[in-house]
Amino acid sequence: MNILNDILLIGKRIISDQSPVALSSLPDDNWQETWDAKGGSWGYKDGYLIGSEPGNKGGILLSKQSFDNDVMLSFTAASVLPATRDVNAVYCTTWDEDINYLKLAYISGIGGWYEDKCGIERFPEDGLRALNPLYHYEPGREVRITTGAIGGHNFLVVDEVLVQELIDPNPIVGGRVGFSPYSTMLKIKDIEVREICWEERIQIYEPEF
């Protein structure tokens, strides 16, 4: 697995090398022992999980393991050309068996929201979102993503660059992690979930003039 650098958030420092590994997954033919395909089509090929959903909705793959504590999910992924959209992860997730879809979740990703935006949103409220058009995903290129939340303080890191934060005043805590190709096809490998070790980060402005 790739070595994570510390992640600097507003008021927090995630100490990556002290964050214990809770799940490590190198996909193989036995991927269904670890992962539960809930929506879309999923399979394994050449070291990758391959997930697709051609419709205007999200395919869902969830970990069978649920996590009680704050976690961050790291993985390497790319869209599978000619698909170009939505390299998305889900976390703090619960599943609603009655409607056969997500009940609660944070969704984070790149190349999405219909306009090649990156961001984080809370599902299903469909109102708490932080999106921006500044990071542009090059379709087909593999990227390393780390995402998660500390008591509702969400973050999205792409290739060691923090591209989005979102602070939820009504946080979702605990649940499963996974992936959601939204009207696209993804390949995913080198998956790691860590419990988050963090410390308070004091930030002040010193006079500059």
N, C-alpha and C. Protein backbone atom coordinates (compact mmCIF):
# COMPACT_ATOMS: atom_id res chain seq x y z
N MET A 1 0.83 -1.20 0.00
CA MET A 1 0.00 0.00 0.00
C MET A 1 0.87 1.26 0.00
N ASN A 2 0.33 2.33 -0.53
CA ASN A 2 1.04 3.60 -0.53
C ASN A 2 1.16 4.14 0.89
N ILE A 3 2.25 4.87 1.17
CA ILE A 3 2.44 5.49 2.48
C ILE A 3 1.72 6.84 2.48
N LEU A 4 0.86 7.04 3.47
CA LEU A 4 0.11 8.28 3.56
C LEU A 4 0.91 9.34 4.28
N ASN A 5 0.84 10.57 3.78
CA ASN A 5 1.34 11.71 4.54
C ASN A 5 0.27 12.17 5.52
N ASP A 6 0.68 12.94 6.54
CA ASP A 6 -0.30 13.55 7.42
C ASP A 6 -1.22 14.46 6.61
N ILE A 7 -2.48 14.54 7.02
CA ILE A 7 -3.47 15.35 6.33
C ILE A 7 -3.82 16.54 7.23
N LEU A 8 -3.63 17.74 6.70
CA LEU A 8 -3.87 18.97 7.46
C LEU A 8 -5.23 19.54 7.09
N LEU A 9 -6.13 19.55 8.08
CA LEU A 9 -7.47 20.10 7.93
C LEU A 9 -7.58 21.35 8.78
N ILE A 10 -8.67 22.08 8.61
CA ILE A 10 -8.94 23.20 9.50
C ILE A 10 -9.07 22.68 10.93
N GLY A 11 -8.14 23.06 11.78
CA GLY A 11 -8.19 22.70 13.20
C GLY A 11 -7.78 21.29 13.54
N LYS A 12 -7.37 20.49 12.55
CA LYS A 12 -7.05 19.09 12.82
C LYS A 12 -5.86 18.65 11.98
N ARG A 13 -5.07 17.75 12.55
CA ARG A 13 -4.00 17.07 11.82
C ARG A 13 -4.26 15.57 11.93
N ILE A 14 -4.45 14.91 10.81
CA ILE A 14 -4.57 13.46 10.81
C ILE A 14 -3.17 12.86 10.77
N ILE A 15 -2.84 12.07 11.78
CA ILE A 15 -1.52 11.47 11.90
C ILE A 15 -1.60 10.09 11.24
N SER A 16 -1.25 10.04 9.98
CA SER A 16 -1.52 8.86 9.17
C SER A 16 -0.79 7.62 9.66
N ASP A 17 0.49 7.76 10.02
CA ASP A 17 1.26 6.56 10.38
C ASP A 17 0.88 6.02 11.76
N GLN A 18 0.08 6.77 12.52
CA GLN A 18 -0.44 6.28 13.79
C GLN A 18 -1.90 5.85 13.70
N SER A 19 -2.46 5.94 12.50
CA SER A 19 -3.85 5.53 12.28
C SER A 19 -3.86 4.04 11.94
N PRO A 20 -4.40 3.20 12.83
CA PRO A 20 -4.29 1.75 12.62
C PRO A 20 -5.13 1.26 11.44
N VAL A 21 -4.59 0.30 10.73
CA VAL A 21 -5.29 -0.30 9.59
C VAL A 21 -6.41 -1.20 10.11
N ALA A 22 -7.63 -0.93 9.63
CA ALA A 22 -8.80 -1.73 10.01
C ALA A 22 -9.21 -2.70 8.92
N LEU A 23 -8.84 -2.41 7.68
CA LEU A 23 -9.14 -3.28 6.55
C LEU A 23 -8.13 -3.03 5.45
N SER A 24 -7.56 -4.09 4.92
CA SER A 24 -6.65 -3.99 3.78
C SER A 24 -7.11 -4.99 2.73
N SER A 25 -7.35 -4.51 1.51
CA SER A 25 -7.93 -5.36 0.48
C SER A 25 -7.20 -5.18 -0.84
N LEU A 26 -6.54 -6.25 -1.28
CA LEU A 26 -5.97 -6.33 -2.61
C LEU A 26 -6.90 -7.26 -3.40
N PRO A 27 -7.73 -6.71 -4.28
CA PRO A 27 -8.77 -7.53 -4.91
C PRO A 27 -8.21 -8.76 -5.62
N ASP A 28 -8.97 -9.86 -5.52
CA ASP A 28 -8.65 -11.09 -6.22
C ASP A 28 -9.96 -11.81 -6.52
N ASP A 29 -9.86 -13.06 -6.94
CA ASP A 29 -11.07 -13.81 -7.29
C ASP A 29 -12.01 -14.01 -6.11
N ASN A 30 -11.50 -13.84 -4.89
CA ASN A 30 -12.33 -14.03 -3.69
C ASN A 30 -12.85 -12.70 -3.14
N TRP A 31 -12.98 -11.69 -4.01
CA TRP A 31 -13.37 -10.35 -3.56
C TRP A 31 -14.70 -10.32 -2.83
N GLN A 32 -15.61 -11.26 -3.15
CA GLN A 32 -16.94 -11.24 -2.53
C GLN A 32 -16.92 -11.65 -1.06
N GLU A 33 -15.78 -12.15 -0.59
CA GLU A 33 -15.66 -12.42 0.85
C GLU A 33 -15.57 -11.12 1.65
N THR A 34 -15.10 -10.05 0.99
CA THR A 34 -14.90 -8.76 1.66
C THR A 34 -15.94 -7.73 1.25
N TRP A 35 -16.44 -7.83 0.01
CA TRP A 35 -17.27 -6.78 -0.58
C TRP A 35 -18.65 -7.32 -0.96
N ASP A 36 -19.64 -6.45 -0.82
CA ASP A 36 -21.03 -6.80 -1.06
C ASP A 36 -21.56 -5.91 -2.19
N ALA A 37 -21.83 -6.50 -3.35
CA ALA A 37 -22.34 -5.75 -4.49
C ALA A 37 -23.82 -5.46 -4.30
N LYS A 38 -24.15 -4.19 -4.14
CA LYS A 38 -25.53 -3.79 -3.86
C LYS A 38 -26.23 -3.19 -5.07
N GLY A 39 -25.50 -2.62 -6.00
CA GLY A 39 -26.10 -2.01 -7.17
C GLY A 39 -25.11 -1.92 -8.30
N GLY A 40 -25.57 -1.95 -9.53
CA GLY A 40 -24.68 -1.97 -10.67
C GLY A 40 -24.12 -3.37 -10.90
N SER A 41 -23.12 -3.46 -11.76
CA SER A 41 -22.46 -4.73 -12.06
C SER A 41 -21.02 -4.68 -11.54
N TRP A 42 -20.60 -5.77 -10.87
CA TRP A 42 -19.27 -5.81 -10.26
C TRP A 42 -18.57 -7.12 -10.59
N GLY A 43 -17.25 -7.04 -10.74
CA GLY A 43 -16.46 -8.22 -10.98
C GLY A 43 -14.99 -7.94 -10.71
N TYR A 44 -14.17 -8.92 -11.01
CA TYR A 44 -12.73 -8.81 -10.77
C TYR A 44 -11.99 -9.12 -12.07
N LYS A 45 -10.92 -8.33 -12.33
CA LYS A 45 -10.06 -8.59 -13.49
C LYS A 45 -8.69 -7.98 -13.26
N ASP A 46 -7.65 -8.78 -13.39
CA ASP A 46 -6.26 -8.31 -13.40
C ASP A 46 -5.91 -7.41 -12.23
N GLY A 47 -6.35 -7.79 -11.03
CA GLY A 47 -5.99 -7.04 -9.83
C GLY A 47 -6.93 -5.91 -9.47
N TYR A 48 -7.98 -5.71 -10.25
CA TYR A 48 -8.91 -4.61 -10.02
C TYR A 48 -10.33 -5.13 -9.77
N LEU A 49 -11.04 -4.44 -8.89
CA LEU A 49 -12.49 -4.52 -8.87
C LEU A 49 -13.00 -3.65 -10.01
N ILE A 50 -13.92 -4.17 -10.80
CA ILE A 50 -14.50 -3.42 -11.91
C ILE A 50 -15.98 -3.22 -11.61
N GLY A 51 -16.41 -1.96 -11.55
CA GLY A 51 -17.81 -1.67 -11.27
C GLY A 51 -18.40 -0.77 -12.32
N SER A 52 -19.64 -1.04 -12.72
CA SER A 52 -20.27 -0.22 -13.74
C SER A 52 -21.75 -0.02 -13.44
N GLU A 53 -22.25 1.13 -13.84
CA GLU A 53 -23.67 1.45 -13.79
C GLU A 53 -23.96 2.41 -14.94
N PRO A 54 -24.59 1.92 -16.03
CA PRO A 54 -24.81 2.78 -17.19
C PRO A 54 -25.95 3.78 -17.01
N GLY A 55 -26.86 3.52 -16.10
CA GLY A 55 -28.00 4.41 -15.91
C GLY A 55 -27.65 5.66 -15.14
N ASN A 56 -28.61 6.58 -15.05
CA ASN A 56 -28.40 7.83 -14.32
C ASN A 56 -28.65 7.59 -12.83
N LYS A 57 -27.79 6.75 -12.25
CA LYS A 57 -27.87 6.41 -10.83
C LYS A 57 -26.53 5.81 -10.42
N GLY A 58 -26.40 5.55 -9.14
CA GLY A 58 -25.14 5.04 -8.63
C GLY A 58 -25.16 3.54 -8.43
N GLY A 59 -24.15 2.87 -8.98
CA GLY A 59 -23.89 1.50 -8.56
C GLY A 59 -23.24 1.54 -7.18
N ILE A 60 -23.44 0.52 -6.38
CA ILE A 60 -22.94 0.54 -5.00
C ILE A 60 -22.22 -0.77 -4.68
N LEU A 61 -20.99 -0.65 -4.16
CA LEU A 61 -20.25 -1.77 -3.59
C LEU A 61 -19.89 -1.38 -2.17
N LEU A 62 -20.28 -2.20 -1.19
CA LEU A 62 -20.04 -1.88 0.21
C LEU A 62 -19.18 -2.96 0.87
N SER A 63 -18.37 -2.53 1.82
CA SER A 63 -17.64 -3.48 2.65
C SER A 63 -18.63 -4.29 3.48
N LYS A 64 -18.34 -5.57 3.65
CA LYS A 64 -19.16 -6.36 4.55
C LYS A 64 -18.90 -5.96 6.00
N GLN A 65 -17.72 -5.47 6.25
CA GLN A 65 -17.34 -5.01 7.58
C GLN A 65 -17.90 -3.62 7.84
N SER A 66 -18.44 -3.42 9.04
CA SER A 66 -18.90 -2.10 9.47
C SER A 66 -17.92 -1.57 10.51
N PHE A 67 -17.78 -0.25 10.56
CA PHE A 67 -16.79 0.39 11.43
C PHE A 67 -17.50 1.31 12.41
N ASP A 68 -17.22 1.13 13.69
CA ASP A 68 -17.86 1.95 14.71
C ASP A 68 -17.19 3.31 14.86
N ASN A 69 -15.89 3.36 14.59
CA ASN A 69 -15.12 4.58 14.81
C ASN A 69 -14.93 5.35 13.50
N ASP A 70 -14.42 6.58 13.64
CA ASP A 70 -14.10 7.39 12.46
C ASP A 70 -13.02 6.68 11.64
N VAL A 71 -13.25 6.58 10.34
CA VAL A 71 -12.28 5.93 9.48
C VAL A 71 -12.03 6.77 8.23
N MET A 72 -10.91 6.49 7.57
CA MET A 72 -10.63 7.05 6.26
C MET A 72 -10.36 5.89 5.30
N LEU A 73 -10.84 6.07 4.09
CA LEU A 73 -10.75 5.07 3.05
C LEU A 73 -9.76 5.55 1.99
N SER A 74 -8.76 4.74 1.70
CA SER A 74 -7.78 5.05 0.65
C SER A 74 -7.86 3.98 -0.43
N PHE A 75 -7.72 4.40 -1.68
CA PHE A 75 -7.79 3.45 -2.79
C PHE A 75 -7.23 4.10 -4.05
N THR A 76 -6.82 3.25 -4.98
CA THR A 76 -6.39 3.69 -6.29
C THR A 76 -7.49 3.35 -7.29
N ALA A 77 -7.86 4.33 -8.14
CA ALA A 77 -8.98 4.11 -9.04
C ALA A 77 -8.82 4.91 -10.31
N ALA A 78 -9.59 4.50 -11.32
CA ALA A 78 -9.66 5.22 -12.59
C ALA A 78 -10.97 4.89 -13.26
N SER A 79 -11.45 5.81 -14.07
CA SER A 79 -12.56 5.47 -14.95
C SER A 79 -12.05 4.54 -16.05
N VAL A 80 -12.92 3.68 -16.52
CA VAL A 80 -12.57 2.74 -17.59
C VAL A 80 -13.12 3.31 -18.89
N LEU A 81 -12.22 3.78 -19.74
CA LEU A 81 -12.64 4.40 -20.99
C LEU A 81 -13.42 3.42 -21.86
N PRO A 82 -14.48 3.87 -22.56
CA PRO A 82 -14.81 5.28 -22.82
C PRO A 82 -15.59 5.99 -21.72
N ALA A 83 -15.86 5.31 -20.59
CA ALA A 83 -16.52 5.98 -19.47
C ALA A 83 -15.58 7.04 -18.90
N THR A 84 -16.12 8.18 -18.50
CA THR A 84 -15.28 9.32 -18.12
C THR A 84 -15.66 9.93 -16.78
N ARG A 85 -16.70 9.45 -16.11
CA ARG A 85 -17.29 10.22 -15.01
C ARG A 85 -17.06 9.61 -13.64
N ASP A 86 -17.29 10.43 -12.63
CA ASP A 86 -17.63 10.05 -11.26
C ASP A 86 -16.80 8.93 -10.66
N VAL A 87 -15.61 9.27 -10.20
CA VAL A 87 -14.82 8.35 -9.38
C VAL A 87 -15.22 8.63 -7.94
N ASN A 88 -16.16 7.84 -7.42
CA ASN A 88 -16.82 8.16 -6.15
C ASN A 88 -16.61 7.09 -5.10
N ALA A 89 -16.52 7.55 -3.84
CA ALA A 89 -16.49 6.66 -2.69
C ALA A 89 -17.67 6.99 -1.78
N VAL A 90 -18.04 6.03 -0.94
CA VAL A 90 -19.05 6.25 0.10
C VAL A 90 -18.48 5.78 1.43
N TYR A 91 -18.91 6.41 2.50
CA TYR A 91 -18.45 6.02 3.84
C TYR A 91 -19.48 6.49 4.86
N CYS A 92 -19.31 6.01 6.11
CA CYS A 92 -20.34 6.24 7.15
C CYS A 92 -21.70 5.82 6.59
N THR A 93 -21.74 4.65 5.98
CA THR A 93 -22.87 4.22 5.16
C THR A 93 -23.70 3.15 5.85
N THR A 94 -25.01 3.30 5.77
CA THR A 94 -25.94 2.24 6.13
C THR A 94 -26.85 1.98 4.94
N TRP A 95 -27.35 0.75 4.86
CA TRP A 95 -28.15 0.30 3.73
C TRP A 95 -29.59 0.09 4.17
N ASP A 96 -30.52 0.54 3.36
CA ASP A 96 -31.94 0.37 3.64
C ASP A 96 -32.45 -0.81 2.82
N GLU A 97 -32.72 -1.93 3.49
CA GLU A 97 -33.16 -3.13 2.78
C GLU A 97 -34.56 -2.95 2.18
N ASP A 98 -35.37 -2.07 2.78
CA ASP A 98 -36.74 -1.88 2.29
C ASP A 98 -36.75 -1.22 0.91
N ILE A 99 -35.90 -0.22 0.73
CA ILE A 99 -35.88 0.47 -0.56
C ILE A 99 -34.73 -0.01 -1.45
N ASN A 100 -33.89 -0.90 -0.89
CA ASN A 100 -32.74 -1.47 -1.61
C ASN A 100 -31.82 -0.37 -2.13
N TYR A 101 -31.50 0.57 -1.26
CA TYR A 101 -30.55 1.62 -1.60
C TYR A 101 -29.97 2.21 -0.31
N LEU A 102 -29.08 3.18 -0.49
CA LEU A 102 -28.46 3.81 0.66
C LEU A 102 -29.51 4.41 1.58
N LYS A 103 -29.27 4.29 2.88
CA LYS A 103 -30.11 4.95 3.87
C LYS A 103 -29.45 6.24 4.33
N LEU A 104 -28.20 6.13 4.74
CA LEU A 104 -27.37 7.29 5.11
C LEU A 104 -25.98 7.07 4.54
N ALA A 105 -25.32 8.15 4.16
CA ALA A 105 -23.95 8.03 3.66
C ALA A 105 -23.37 9.41 3.40
N TYR A 106 -22.06 9.48 3.45
CA TYR A 106 -21.34 10.57 2.80
C TYR A 106 -20.82 10.03 1.47
N ILE A 107 -20.90 10.87 0.45
CA ILE A 107 -20.42 10.53 -0.88
C ILE A 107 -19.36 11.56 -1.26
N SER A 108 -18.20 11.11 -1.66
CA SER A 108 -17.16 12.03 -2.11
C SER A 108 -16.61 11.53 -3.42
N GLY A 109 -16.13 12.46 -4.24
CA GLY A 109 -15.60 12.01 -5.51
C GLY A 109 -15.09 13.12 -6.40
N ILE A 110 -14.63 12.70 -7.56
CA ILE A 110 -14.07 13.62 -8.56
C ILE A 110 -14.71 13.30 -9.91
N GLY A 111 -14.70 14.29 -10.79
CA GLY A 111 -15.23 14.11 -12.14
C GLY A 111 -16.74 13.93 -12.16
N GLY A 112 -17.44 14.52 -11.19
CA GLY A 112 -18.85 14.24 -11.06
C GLY A 112 -19.76 15.46 -11.02
N TRP A 113 -20.95 15.23 -10.51
CA TRP A 113 -21.99 16.24 -10.37
C TRP A 113 -22.27 16.94 -11.71
N TYR A 114 -22.25 16.13 -12.77
CA TYR A 114 -22.66 16.52 -14.12
C TYR A 114 -21.74 17.55 -14.79
N GLU A 115 -20.81 18.14 -14.04
CA GLU A 115 -19.98 19.22 -14.60
C GLU A 115 -18.51 19.07 -14.23
N ASP A 116 -18.03 17.82 -14.12
CA ASP A 116 -16.63 17.56 -13.81
C ASP A 116 -16.19 18.27 -12.54
N LYS A 117 -17.01 18.17 -11.50
CA LYS A 117 -16.68 18.79 -10.22
C LYS A 117 -16.18 17.73 -9.25
N CYS A 118 -15.43 18.18 -8.25
CA CYS A 118 -15.09 17.31 -7.14
C CYS A 118 -15.85 17.81 -5.92
N GLY A 119 -16.08 16.92 -4.97
CA GLY A 119 -16.82 17.39 -3.81
C GLY A 119 -17.23 16.28 -2.87
N ILE A 120 -18.03 16.70 -1.89
CA ILE A 120 -18.54 15.82 -0.84
C ILE A 120 -19.99 16.20 -0.60
N GLU A 121 -20.85 15.19 -0.43
CA GLU A 121 -22.23 15.47 -0.06
C GLU A 121 -22.73 14.44 0.93
N ARG A 122 -23.76 14.85 1.66
CA ARG A 122 -24.43 13.94 2.59
C ARG A 122 -25.67 13.39 1.90
N PHE A 123 -25.86 12.07 1.98
CA PHE A 123 -27.04 11.41 1.43
C PHE A 123 -27.91 10.93 2.59
N PRO A 124 -29.27 11.11 2.54
CA PRO A 124 -30.07 11.52 1.40
C PRO A 124 -30.57 12.96 1.46
N GLU A 125 -30.07 13.79 2.37
CA GLU A 125 -30.63 15.13 2.50
C GLU A 125 -30.57 15.94 1.21
N ASP A 126 -29.58 15.68 0.38
CA ASP A 126 -29.47 16.35 -0.91
C ASP A 126 -29.45 17.86 -0.77
N GLY A 127 -28.88 18.34 0.33
CA GLY A 127 -28.78 19.77 0.53
C GLY A 127 -27.43 20.17 1.08
N LEU A 128 -26.80 19.27 1.83
CA LEU A 128 -25.49 19.55 2.40
C LEU A 128 -24.43 19.07 1.43
N ARG A 129 -23.83 20.02 0.72
CA ARG A 129 -22.84 19.70 -0.29
C ARG A 129 -21.72 20.72 -0.27
N ALA A 130 -20.54 20.29 -0.62
CA ALA A 130 -19.42 21.19 -0.88
C ALA A 130 -18.81 20.73 -2.20
N LEU A 131 -18.94 21.55 -3.23
CA LEU A 131 -18.47 21.19 -4.57
C LEU A 131 -17.59 22.29 -5.11
N ASN A 132 -16.65 21.91 -5.97
CA ASN A 132 -15.88 22.94 -6.67
C ASN A 132 -15.42 22.41 -8.03
N PRO A 133 -15.19 23.32 -8.98
CA PRO A 133 -14.78 22.92 -10.32
C PRO A 133 -13.28 23.03 -10.55
N LEU A 134 -12.49 23.19 -9.48
CA LEU A 134 -11.08 23.54 -9.64
C LEU A 134 -10.19 22.33 -9.93
N TYR A 135 -10.59 21.15 -9.42
CA TYR A 135 -9.82 19.94 -9.72
C TYR A 135 -10.47 19.25 -10.91
N HIS A 136 -9.71 19.05 -11.97
CA HIS A 136 -10.23 18.41 -13.17
C HIS A 136 -9.62 17.01 -13.30
N TYR A 137 -10.48 16.02 -13.31
CA TYR A 137 -10.02 14.64 -13.46
C TYR A 137 -9.80 14.31 -14.93
N GLU A 138 -8.66 13.72 -15.23
CA GLU A 138 -8.36 13.25 -16.58
C GLU A 138 -8.87 11.83 -16.72
N PRO A 139 -9.95 11.61 -17.49
CA PRO A 139 -10.55 10.28 -17.58
C PRO A 139 -9.53 9.22 -17.96
N GLY A 140 -9.64 8.08 -17.27
CA GLY A 140 -8.75 6.95 -17.53
C GLY A 140 -7.47 6.97 -16.72
N ARG A 141 -7.14 8.08 -16.10
CA ARG A 141 -5.89 8.17 -15.32
C ARG A 141 -6.10 7.66 -13.91
N GLU A 142 -5.19 6.82 -13.43
CA GLU A 142 -5.28 6.33 -12.07
C GLU A 142 -4.91 7.43 -11.08
N VAL A 143 -5.69 7.53 -10.03
CA VAL A 143 -5.42 8.48 -8.95
C VAL A 143 -5.51 7.74 -7.63
N ARG A 144 -4.85 8.31 -6.63
CA ARG A 144 -4.90 7.77 -5.27
C ARG A 144 -5.78 8.70 -4.44
N ILE A 145 -6.86 8.18 -3.92
CA ILE A 145 -7.84 8.97 -3.17
C ILE A 145 -7.86 8.52 -1.72
N THR A 146 -7.92 9.48 -0.82
CA THR A 146 -8.17 9.22 0.60
C THR A 146 -9.32 10.13 1.03
N THR A 147 -10.32 9.53 1.66
CA THR A 147 -11.49 10.29 2.07
C THR A 147 -12.06 9.69 3.34
N GLY A 148 -12.79 10.51 4.09
CA GLY A 148 -13.38 10.05 5.34
C GLY A 148 -13.90 11.22 6.13
N ALA A 149 -14.17 10.98 7.42
CA ALA A 149 -14.73 12.02 8.27
C ALA A 149 -14.31 11.82 9.72
N ILE A 150 -14.14 12.93 10.41
CA ILE A 150 -13.88 12.95 11.85
C ILE A 150 -15.06 13.66 12.50
N GLY A 151 -16.00 12.92 13.05
CA GLY A 151 -17.16 13.54 13.69
C GLY A 151 -17.86 14.52 12.78
N GLY A 152 -18.02 14.17 11.51
CA GLY A 152 -18.69 15.04 10.55
C GLY A 152 -17.78 15.99 9.81
N HIS A 153 -16.49 16.06 10.16
CA HIS A 153 -15.53 16.88 9.43
C HIS A 153 -14.98 16.02 8.29
N ASN A 154 -15.54 16.19 7.11
CA ASN A 154 -15.22 15.37 5.94
C ASN A 154 -14.04 15.96 5.18
N PHE A 155 -13.32 15.06 4.50
CA PHE A 155 -12.18 15.50 3.70
C PHE A 155 -12.04 14.59 2.48
N LEU A 156 -11.46 15.17 1.43
CA LEU A 156 -11.18 14.44 0.18
C LEU A 156 -9.79 14.84 -0.28
N VAL A 157 -8.91 13.86 -0.37
CA VAL A 157 -7.52 14.06 -0.78
C VAL A 157 -7.29 13.26 -2.06
N VAL A 158 -6.70 13.90 -3.07
CA VAL A 158 -6.41 13.24 -4.34
C VAL A 158 -4.92 13.40 -4.62
N ASP A 159 -4.23 12.28 -4.75
CA ASP A 159 -2.78 12.31 -4.99
C ASP A 159 -2.07 13.25 -4.02
N GLU A 160 -2.40 13.09 -2.74
CA GLU A 160 -1.79 13.81 -1.61
C GLU A 160 -2.15 15.29 -1.55
N VAL A 161 -3.12 15.74 -2.35
CA VAL A 161 -3.56 17.14 -2.31
C VAL A 161 -4.98 17.19 -1.75
N LEU A 162 -5.19 17.97 -0.70
CA LEU A 162 -6.52 18.17 -0.14
C LEU A 162 -7.34 19.04 -1.10
N VAL A 163 -8.43 18.48 -1.63
CA VAL A 163 -9.22 19.22 -2.61
C VAL A 163 -10.59 19.65 -2.06
N GLN A 164 -11.01 19.11 -0.90
CA GLN A 164 -12.32 19.50 -0.38
C GLN A 164 -12.44 19.15 1.09
N GLU A 165 -13.09 20.04 1.85
CA GLU A 165 -13.54 19.76 3.21
C GLU A 165 -15.02 20.07 3.30
N LEU A 166 -15.71 19.40 4.20
CA LEU A 166 -17.12 19.67 4.49
C LEU A 166 -17.37 19.33 5.94
N ILE A 167 -17.89 20.29 6.70
CA ILE A 167 -18.19 20.07 8.12
C ILE A 167 -19.70 19.96 8.28
N ASP A 168 -20.14 18.80 8.73
CA ASP A 168 -21.56 18.50 8.91
C ASP A 168 -21.93 18.74 10.37
N PRO A 169 -22.83 19.69 10.66
CA PRO A 169 -23.21 19.94 12.05
C PRO A 169 -24.07 18.83 12.65
N ASN A 170 -24.55 17.92 11.80
CA ASN A 170 -25.33 16.77 12.26
C ASN A 170 -24.66 15.49 11.75
N PRO A 171 -23.52 15.15 12.32
CA PRO A 171 -22.65 14.15 11.69
C PRO A 171 -23.24 12.74 11.67
N ILE A 172 -22.89 12.01 10.61
CA ILE A 172 -23.10 10.57 10.56
C ILE A 172 -21.85 9.92 11.15
N VAL A 173 -22.03 8.99 12.07
CA VAL A 173 -20.89 8.34 12.71
C VAL A 173 -21.03 6.82 12.53
N GLY A 174 -19.97 6.21 12.04
CA GLY A 174 -19.95 4.76 11.89
C GLY A 174 -20.65 4.29 10.62
N GLY A 175 -20.39 3.03 10.28
CA GLY A 175 -21.03 2.45 9.11
C GLY A 175 -20.02 1.75 8.21
N ARG A 176 -20.46 1.45 7.01
CA ARG A 176 -19.65 0.74 6.04
C ARG A 176 -19.01 1.72 5.06
N VAL A 177 -18.04 1.23 4.30
CA VAL A 177 -17.38 2.04 3.27
C VAL A 177 -17.54 1.34 1.93
N GLY A 178 -17.31 2.09 0.87
CA GLY A 178 -17.40 1.46 -0.44
C GLY A 178 -17.25 2.44 -1.58
N PHE A 179 -17.86 2.08 -2.71
CA PHE A 179 -17.64 2.81 -3.96
C PHE A 179 -18.96 2.94 -4.71
N SER A 180 -19.06 4.01 -5.53
CA SER A 180 -20.31 4.25 -6.25
C SER A 180 -20.03 4.82 -7.63
N PRO A 181 -19.87 3.98 -8.65
CA PRO A 181 -19.80 4.49 -10.01
C PRO A 181 -21.17 5.02 -10.44
N TYR A 182 -21.26 6.32 -10.69
CA TYR A 182 -22.53 6.94 -11.05
C TYR A 182 -22.53 7.17 -12.56
N SER A 183 -23.30 6.35 -13.25
CA SER A 183 -23.41 6.44 -14.71
C SER A 183 -22.02 6.35 -15.37
N THR A 184 -21.23 5.41 -14.90
CA THR A 184 -19.86 5.27 -15.39
C THR A 184 -19.34 3.87 -15.12
N MET A 185 -18.07 3.62 -15.44
CA MET A 185 -17.39 2.37 -15.12
C MET A 185 -16.06 2.68 -14.48
N LEU A 186 -15.76 2.03 -13.35
CA LEU A 186 -14.54 2.28 -12.59
C LEU A 186 -13.75 1.00 -12.41
N LYS A 187 -12.43 1.16 -12.23
CA LYS A 187 -11.59 0.07 -11.76
C LYS A 187 -10.88 0.54 -10.49
N ILE A 188 -10.77 -0.36 -9.50
CA ILE A 188 -10.34 0.01 -8.16
C ILE A 188 -9.39 -1.04 -7.61
N LYS A 189 -8.31 -0.60 -6.97
CA LYS A 189 -7.37 -1.55 -6.37
C LYS A 189 -6.73 -0.92 -5.13
N ASP A 190 -5.88 -1.70 -4.43
CA ASP A 190 -5.08 -1.22 -3.30
C ASP A 190 -5.93 -0.45 -2.30
N ILE A 191 -6.90 -1.14 -1.71
CA ILE A 191 -7.89 -0.51 -0.83
C ILE A 191 -7.46 -0.67 0.62
N GLU A 192 -7.56 0.41 1.37
CA GLU A 192 -7.16 0.39 2.77
C GLU A 192 -8.09 1.28 3.58
N VAL A 193 -8.53 0.78 4.72
CA VAL A 193 -9.33 1.56 5.67
C VAL A 193 -8.56 1.68 6.96
N ARG A 194 -8.43 2.91 7.44
CA ARG A 194 -7.73 3.16 8.70
C ARG A 194 -8.63 3.89 9.68
N GLU A 195 -8.57 3.48 10.96
CA GLU A 195 -9.16 4.29 12.01
C GLU A 195 -8.34 5.57 12.13
N ILE A 196 -9.00 6.69 12.32
CA ILE A 196 -8.31 7.98 12.23
C ILE A 196 -7.73 8.39 13.58
N CYS A 197 -6.42 8.55 13.60
CA CYS A 197 -5.72 9.16 14.73
C CYS A 197 -5.45 10.62 14.37
N TRP A 198 -5.90 11.54 15.22
CA TRP A 198 -5.72 12.95 14.88
C TRP A 198 -5.45 13.76 16.14
N GLU A 199 -4.95 14.96 15.93
CA GLU A 199 -4.70 15.88 17.03
C GLU A 199 -5.19 17.27 16.65
N GLU A 200 -5.46 18.06 17.68
CA GLU A 200 -5.90 19.44 17.44
C GLU A 200 -4.76 20.23 16.80
N ARG A 201 -5.12 21.09 15.89
CA ARG A 201 -4.14 21.91 15.18
C ARG A 201 -4.49 23.37 15.44
N ILE A 202 -3.61 24.05 16.15
CA ILE A 202 -3.84 25.46 16.48
C ILE A 202 -3.40 26.31 15.30
N GLN A 203 -4.29 27.15 14.82
CA GLN A 203 -3.98 28.02 13.68
C GLN A 203 -4.30 29.47 14.06
N ILE A 204 -3.33 30.34 13.86
CA ILE A 204 -3.52 31.77 14.11
C ILE A 204 -2.85 32.55 12.98
N TYR A 205 -3.32 33.76 12.77
CA TYR A 205 -2.65 34.68 11.86
C TYR A 205 -1.66 35.53 12.65
N GLU A 206 -0.41 35.50 12.24
CA GLU A 206 0.57 36.44 12.77
C GLU A 206 0.52 37.71 11.92
N PRO A 207 0.80 38.87 12.52
CA PRO A 207 0.80 40.10 11.72
C PRO A 207 1.76 39.97 10.53
N GLU A 208 1.33 40.40 9.38
CA GLU A 208 2.19 40.34 8.18
C GLU A 208 2.48 41.72 7.61
N PHE A 209 2.05 42.77 8.29
CA PHE A 209 2.41 44.13 7.84
C PHE A 209 2.34 45.09 9.03
